[in-house]
C-alpha cells in the first residue's frame, strides 16, 4: 500500500466516524423519533460522496 492509499483510507475512516457521530447526535436530539429518516438521509449523503457501505445493524429497541 502506498502512502497516498494510506491517507485515503484514513480520510475515509474519519469521514465515516464523523457521519456516524452526526447521526447519533441527531437521534439523541430528536429522541429517536426520526431515526429512519435520519438514517435514510445519511445513506443518501454517503452514497453521493462515494462512501457506500453495508447498513446491517441490529435493532436497538
PDB file of N, CA and C in Angstrom:
ATOM      1  N   UNK A   1       0.844  -1.167   0.000  1.00  0.00           N
ATOM      2  CA  UNK A   1       0.000   0.000   0.000  1.00  0.00           C
ATOM      3  C   UNK A   1       0.892   1.234   0.000  1.00  0.00           C
ATOM      4  N   UNK A   2       0.588   2.135  -0.903  1.00  0.00           N
ATOM      5  CA  UNK A   2       1.354   3.357  -0.989  1.00  0.00           C
ATOM      6  C   UNK A   2       0.904   4.367   0.048  1.00  0.00           C
ATOM      7  N   UNK A   3       1.682   5.408   0.177  1.00  0.00           N
ATOM      8  CA  UNK A   3       1.387   6.429   1.183  1.00  0.00           C
ATOM      9  C   UNK A   3       0.065   7.136   0.887  1.00  0.00           C
ATOM     10  N   UNK A   4      -0.242   7.348  -0.397  1.00  0.00           N
ATOM     11  CA  UNK A   4      -1.489   8.016  -0.737  1.00  0.00           C
ATOM     12  C   UNK A   4      -2.691   7.135  -0.426  1.00  0.00           C
ATOM     13  N   UNK A   5      -2.547   5.834  -0.607  1.00  0.00           N
ATOM     14  CA  UNK A   5      -3.615   4.908  -0.244  1.00  0.00           C
ATOM     15  C   UNK A   5      -3.861   4.941   1.263  1.00  0.00           C
ATOM     16  N   UNK A   6      -2.794   5.074   2.027  1.00  0.00           N
ATOM     17  CA  UNK A   6      -2.913   5.141   3.479  1.00  0.00           C
ATOM     18  C   UNK A   6      -3.672   6.402   3.887  1.00  0.00           C
ATOM     19  N   UNK A   7      -3.336   7.544   3.292  1.00  0.00           N
ATOM     20  CA  UNK A   7      -4.034   8.792   3.595  1.00  0.00           C
ATOM     21  C   UNK A   7      -5.500   8.718   3.185  1.00  0.00           C
ATOM     22  N   UNK A   8      -5.769   8.104   2.041  1.00  0.00           N
ATOM     23  CA  UNK A   8      -7.133   7.963   1.553  1.00  0.00           C
ATOM     24  C   UNK A   8      -7.945   7.111   2.535  1.00  0.00           C
ATOM     25  N   UNK A   9      -7.349   6.041   3.016  1.00  0.00           N
ATOM     26  CA  UNK A   9      -8.016   5.160   3.962  1.00  0.00           C
ATOM     27  C   UNK A   9      -8.301   5.886   5.279  1.00  0.00           C
ATOM     28  N   UNK A  10      -7.347   6.657   5.755  1.00  0.00           N
ATOM     29  CA  UNK A  10      -7.532   7.406   6.993  1.00  0.00           C
ATOM     30  C   UNK A  10      -8.631   8.450   6.846  1.00  0.00           C
ATOM     31  N   UNK A  11      -8.664   9.129   5.705  1.00  0.00           N
ATOM     32  CA  UNK A  11      -9.691  10.131   5.453  1.00  0.00           C
ATOM     33  C   UNK A  11     -11.078   9.515   5.391  1.00  0.00           C
ATOM     34  N   UNK A  12     -11.173   8.365   4.753  1.00  0.00           N
ATOM     35  CA  UNK A  12     -12.450   7.665   4.658  1.00  0.00           C
ATOM     36  C   UNK A  12     -12.937   7.245   6.043  1.00  0.00           C
ATOM     37  N   UNK A  13     -12.008   6.785   6.866  1.00  0.00           N
ATOM     38  CA  UNK A  13     -12.351   6.363   8.228  1.00  0.00           C
ATOM     39  C   UNK A  13     -12.864   7.552   9.044  1.00  0.00           C
ATOM     40  N   UNK A  14     -12.189   8.691   8.950  1.00  0.00           N
ATOM     41  CA  UNK A  14     -12.610   9.879   9.692  1.00  0.00           C
ATOM     42  C   UNK A  14     -13.962  10.380   9.212  1.00  0.00           C
ATOM     43  N   UNK A  15     -14.204  10.322   7.925  1.00  0.00           N
ATOM     44  CA  UNK A  15     -15.491  10.770   7.380  1.00  0.00           C
ATOM     45  C   UNK A  15     -16.624   9.879   7.882  1.00  0.00           C
ATOM     46  N   UNK A  16     -16.412   8.586   7.900  1.00  0.00           N
ATOM     47  CA  UNK A  16     -17.448   7.668   8.401  1.00  0.00           C
ATOM     48  C   UNK A  16     -17.697   7.889   9.884  1.00  0.00           C
ATOM     49  N   UNK A  17     -16.631   8.093  10.634  1.00  0.00           N
ATOM     50  CA  UNK A  17     -16.768   8.333  12.070  1.00  0.00           C
ATOM     51  C   UNK A  17     -17.553   9.619  12.314  1.00  0.00           C
ATOM     52  N   UNK A  18     -17.273  10.653  11.546  1.00  0.00           N
ATOM     53  CA  UNK A  18     -17.997  11.907  11.679  1.00  0.00           C
ATOM     54  C   UNK A  18     -19.455  11.770  11.283  1.00  0.00           C
ATOM     55  N   UNK A  19     -19.707  11.026  10.224  1.00  0.00           N
ATOM     56  CA  UNK A  19     -21.073  10.801   9.761  1.00  0.00           C
ATOM     57  C   UNK A  19     -21.871  10.027  10.803  1.00  0.00           C
ATOM     58  N   UNK A  20     -21.277   9.006  11.378  1.00  0.00           N
ATOM     59  CA  UNK A  20     -21.958   8.220  12.407  1.00  0.00           C
ATOM     60  C   UNK A  20     -22.204   9.059  13.664  1.00  0.00           C
ATOM     61  N   UNK A  21     -21.245   9.889  14.019  1.00  0.00           N
ATOM     62  CA  UNK A  21     -21.406  10.756  15.182  1.00  0.00           C
ATOM     63  C   UNK A  21     -22.527  11.764  14.985  1.00  0.00           C
ATOM     64  N   UNK A  22     -22.611  12.338  13.793  1.00  0.00           N
ATOM     65  CA  UNK A  22     -23.679  13.290  13.494  1.00  0.00           C
ATOM     66  C   UNK A  22     -25.037  12.598  13.552  1.00  0.00           C
ATOM     67  N   UNK A  23     -25.112  11.386  13.007  1.00  0.00           N
ATOM     68  CA  UNK A  23     -26.368  10.638  13.049  1.00  0.00           C
ATOM     69  C   UNK A  23     -26.777  10.366  14.489  1.00  0.00           C
ATOM     70  N   UNK A  24     -25.840   9.979  15.304  1.00  0.00           N
ATOM     71  CA  UNK A  24     -26.132   9.664  16.703  1.00  0.00           C
ATOM     72  C   UNK A  24     -26.627  10.904  17.449  1.00  0.00           C
ATOM     73  N   UNK A  25     -25.964  12.051  17.239  1.00  0.00           N
ATOM     74  CA  UNK A  25     -26.377  13.286  17.903  1.00  0.00           C
ATOM     75  C   UNK A  25     -27.785  13.709  17.479  1.00  0.00           C
ATOM     76  N   UNK A  26     -28.080  13.583  16.183  1.00  0.00           N
ATOM     77  CA  UNK A  26     -29.425  13.951  15.708  1.00  0.00           C
ATOM     78  C   UNK A  26     -30.479  13.032  16.313  1.00  0.00           C
ATOM     79  N   UNK A  27     -30.180  11.746  16.408  1.00  0.00           N
ATOM     80  CA  UNK A  27     -31.127  10.811  17.020  1.00  0.00           C
ATOM     81  C   UNK A  27     -31.336  11.121  18.496  1.00  0.00           C
ATOM     82  N   UNK A  28     -30.274  11.529  19.186  1.00  0.00           N
ATOM     83  CA  UNK A  28     -30.399  11.901  20.598  1.00  0.00           C
ATOM     84  C   UNK A  28     -31.252  13.156  20.749  1.00  0.00           C
ATOM     85  N   UNK A  29     -31.027  14.158  19.896  1.00  0.00           N
ATOM     86  CA  UNK A  29     -31.769  15.420  19.975  1.00  0.00           C
ATOM     87  C   UNK A  29     -33.254  15.223  19.704  1.00  0.00           C
ATOM     88  N   UNK A  30     -33.585  14.304  18.802  1.00  0.00           N
ATOM     89  CA  UNK A  30     -34.985  14.082  18.438  1.00  0.00           C
ATOM     90  C   UNK A  30     -35.617  12.954  19.235  1.00  0.00           C
ATOM     91  N   UNK A  31     -34.880  12.362  20.137  1.00  0.00           N
ATOM     92  CA  UNK A  31     -35.410  11.275  20.938  1.00  0.00           C
ATOM     93  C   UNK A  31     -35.675  10.013  20.129  1.00  0.00           C
ATOM     94  N   UNK A  32     -35.020   9.884  18.983  1.00  0.00           N
ATOM     95  CA  UNK A  32     -35.173   8.700  18.146  1.00  0.00           C
ATOM     96  C   UNK A  32     -36.448   8.689  17.316  1.00  0.00           C
ATOM     97  N   UNK A  33     -37.226   9.777  17.362  1.00  0.00           N
ATOM     98  CA  UNK A  33     -38.496   9.820  16.626  1.00  0.00           C
ATOM     99  C   UNK A  33     -38.296   9.779  15.119  1.00  0.00           C
ATOM    100  N   UNK A  34     -37.188  10.302  14.628  1.00  0.00           N
ATOM    101  CA  UNK A  34     -36.956  10.396  13.186  1.00  0.00           C
ATOM    102  C   UNK A  34     -35.773   9.543  12.740  1.00  0.00           C
ATOM    103  N   UNK A  35     -35.542   8.473  13.452  1.00  0.00           N
ATOM    104  CA  UNK A  35     -34.376   7.626  13.204  1.00  0.00           C
ATOM    105  C   UNK A  35     -34.331   7.105  11.771  1.00  0.00           C
ATOM    106  N   UNK A  36     -35.465   6.663  11.245  1.00  0.00           N
ATOM    107  CA  UNK A  36     -35.495   6.127   9.881  1.00  0.00           C
ATOM    108  C   UNK A  36     -35.164   7.203   8.849  1.00  0.00           C
ATOM    109  N   UNK A  37     -35.716   8.408   9.040  1.00  0.00           N
ATOM    110  CA  UNK A  37     -35.458   9.495   8.103  1.00  0.00           C
ATOM    111  C   UNK A  37     -34.006   9.965   8.189  1.00  0.00           C
ATOM    112  N   UNK A  38     -33.466  10.022   9.391  1.00  0.00           N
ATOM    113  CA  UNK A  38     -32.073  10.432   9.570  1.00  0.00           C
ATOM    114  C   UNK A  38     -31.138   9.415   8.933  1.00  0.00           C
ATOM    115  N   UNK A  39     -31.432   8.133   9.124  1.00  0.00           N
ATOM    116  CA  UNK A  39     -30.609   7.080   8.532  1.00  0.00           C
ATOM    117  C   UNK A  39     -30.669   7.134   7.009  1.00  0.00           C
ATOM    118  N   UNK A  40     -31.869   7.362   6.467  1.00  0.00           N
ATOM    119  CA  UNK A  40     -32.017   7.455   5.012  1.00  0.00           C
ATOM    120  C   UNK A  40     -31.227   8.646   4.469  1.00  0.00           C
ATOM    121  N   UNK A  41     -31.282   9.764   5.169  1.00  0.00           N
ATOM    122  CA  UNK A  41     -30.520  10.937   4.752  1.00  0.00           C
ATOM    123  C   UNK A  41     -29.025  10.695   4.809  1.00  0.00           C
ATOM    124  N   UNK A  42     -28.577  10.026   5.858  1.00  0.00           N
ATOM    125  CA  UNK A  42     -27.155   9.712   5.983  1.00  0.00           C
ATOM    126  C   UNK A  42     -26.706   8.803   4.847  1.00  0.00           C
ATOM    127  N   UNK A  43     -27.498   7.803   4.521  1.00  0.00           N
ATOM    128  CA  UNK A  43     -27.160   6.900   3.428  1.00  0.00           C
ATOM    129  C   UNK A  43     -27.084   7.646   2.102  1.00  0.00           C
ATOM    130  N   UNK A  44     -28.009   8.577   1.893  1.00  0.00           N
ATOM    131  CA  UNK A  44     -28.023   9.338   0.656  1.00  0.00           C
ATOM    132  C   UNK A  44     -26.775  10.220   0.538  1.00  0.00           C
ATOM    133  N   UNK A  45     -26.410  10.876   1.617  1.00  0.00           N
ATOM    134  CA  UNK A  45     -25.213  11.722   1.604  1.00  0.00           C
ATOM    135  C   UNK A  45     -23.965  10.871   1.394  1.00  0.00           C
ATOM    136  N   UNK A  46     -23.845   9.771   2.136  1.00  0.00           N
ATOM    137  CA  UNK A  46     -22.682   8.906   1.986  1.00  0.00           C
ATOM    138  C   UNK A  46     -22.604   8.340   0.571  1.00  0.00           C
ATOM    139  N   UNK A  47     -23.742   7.997  -0.004  1.00  0.00           N
ATOM    140  CA  UNK A  47     -23.756   7.482  -1.372  1.00  0.00           C
ATOM    141  C   UNK A  47     -23.276   8.517  -2.368  1.00  0.00           C
ATOM    142  N   UNK A  48     -23.692   9.760  -2.190  1.00  0.00           N
ATOM    143  CA  UNK A  48     -23.272  10.815  -3.119  1.00  0.00           C
ATOM    144  C   UNK A  48     -21.791  11.137  -2.968  1.00  0.00           C
ATOM    145  N   UNK A  49     -21.232  10.840  -1.800  1.00  0.00           N
ATOM    146  CA  UNK A  49     -19.801  11.067  -1.570  1.00  0.00           C
ATOM    147  C   UNK A  49     -18.963   9.825  -1.847  1.00  0.00           C
ATOM    148  N   UNK A  50     -19.615   8.744  -2.277  1.00  0.00           N
ATOM    149  CA  UNK A  50     -18.883   7.512  -2.584  1.00  0.00           C
ATOM    150  C   UNK A  50     -18.499   6.734  -1.342  1.00  0.00           C
ATOM    151  N   UNK A  51     -19.257   6.896  -0.285  1.00  0.00           N
ATOM    152  CA  UNK A  51     -18.950   6.219   0.976  1.00  0.00           C
ATOM    153  C   UNK A  51     -19.945   5.101   1.249  1.00  0.00           C
ATOM    154  N   UNK A  52     -20.512   4.501   0.196  1.00  0.00           N
ATOM    155  CA  UNK A  52     -21.496   3.433   0.382  1.00  0.00           C
ATOM    156  C   UNK A  52     -20.900   2.318   1.224  1.00  0.00           C
ATOM    157  N   UNK A  53     -21.758   1.716   2.037  1.00  0.00           N
ATOM    158  CA  UNK A  53     -21.333   0.584   2.849  1.00  0.00           C
ATOM    159  C   UNK A  53     -22.553  -0.196   3.274  1.00  0.00           C
ATOM    160  N   UNK A  54     -22.329  -1.365   3.772  1.00  0.00           N
ATOM    161  CA  UNK A  54     -23.433  -2.185   4.249  1.00  0.00           C
ATOM    162  C   UNK A  54     -24.018  -1.540   5.494  1.00  0.00           C
ATOM    163  N   UNK A  55     -25.336  -1.561   5.582  1.00  0.00           N
ATOM    164  CA  UNK A  55     -26.016  -0.912   6.688  1.00  0.00           C
ATOM    165  C   UNK A  55     -26.709  -1.928   7.584  1.00  0.00           C
ATOM    166  N   UNK A  56     -26.181  -3.130   7.671  1.00  0.00           N
ATOM    167  CA  UNK A  56     -26.788  -4.145   8.522  1.00  0.00           C
ATOM    168  C   UNK A  56     -26.469  -3.824   9.960  1.00  0.00           C
ATOM    169  N   UNK A  57     -27.491  -3.405  10.702  1.00  0.00           N
ATOM    170  CA  UNK A  57     -27.318  -3.097  12.102  1.00  0.00           C
ATOM    171  C   UNK A  57     -28.384  -3.841  12.904  1.00  0.00           C
ATOM    172  N   UNK A  58     -28.042  -4.300  14.069  1.00  0.00           N
ATOM    173  CA  UNK A  58     -29.064  -4.939  14.896  1.00  0.00           C
ATOM    174  C   UNK A  58     -30.071  -3.902  15.386  1.00  0.00           C
ATOM    175  N   UNK A  59     -31.282  -4.325  15.615  1.00  0.00           N
ATOM    176  CA  UNK A  59     -32.300  -3.434  16.147  1.00  0.00           C
ATOM    177  C   UNK A  59     -31.896  -3.002  17.549  1.00  0.00           C
ATOM    178  N   UNK A  60     -32.100  -1.726  17.876  1.00  0.00           N
ATOM    179  CA  UNK A  60     -31.685  -1.191  19.172  1.00  0.00           C
ATOM    180  C   UNK A  60     -32.879  -0.906  20.052  1.00  0.00           C
ATOM    181  N   UNK A  61     -33.993  -1.564  19.832  1.00  0.00           N
ATOM    182  CA  UNK A  61     -35.203  -1.281  20.624  1.00  0.00           C
ATOM    183  C   UNK A  61     -35.435  -2.331  21.631  1.00  0.00           C
TER     184      UNK A  61
END
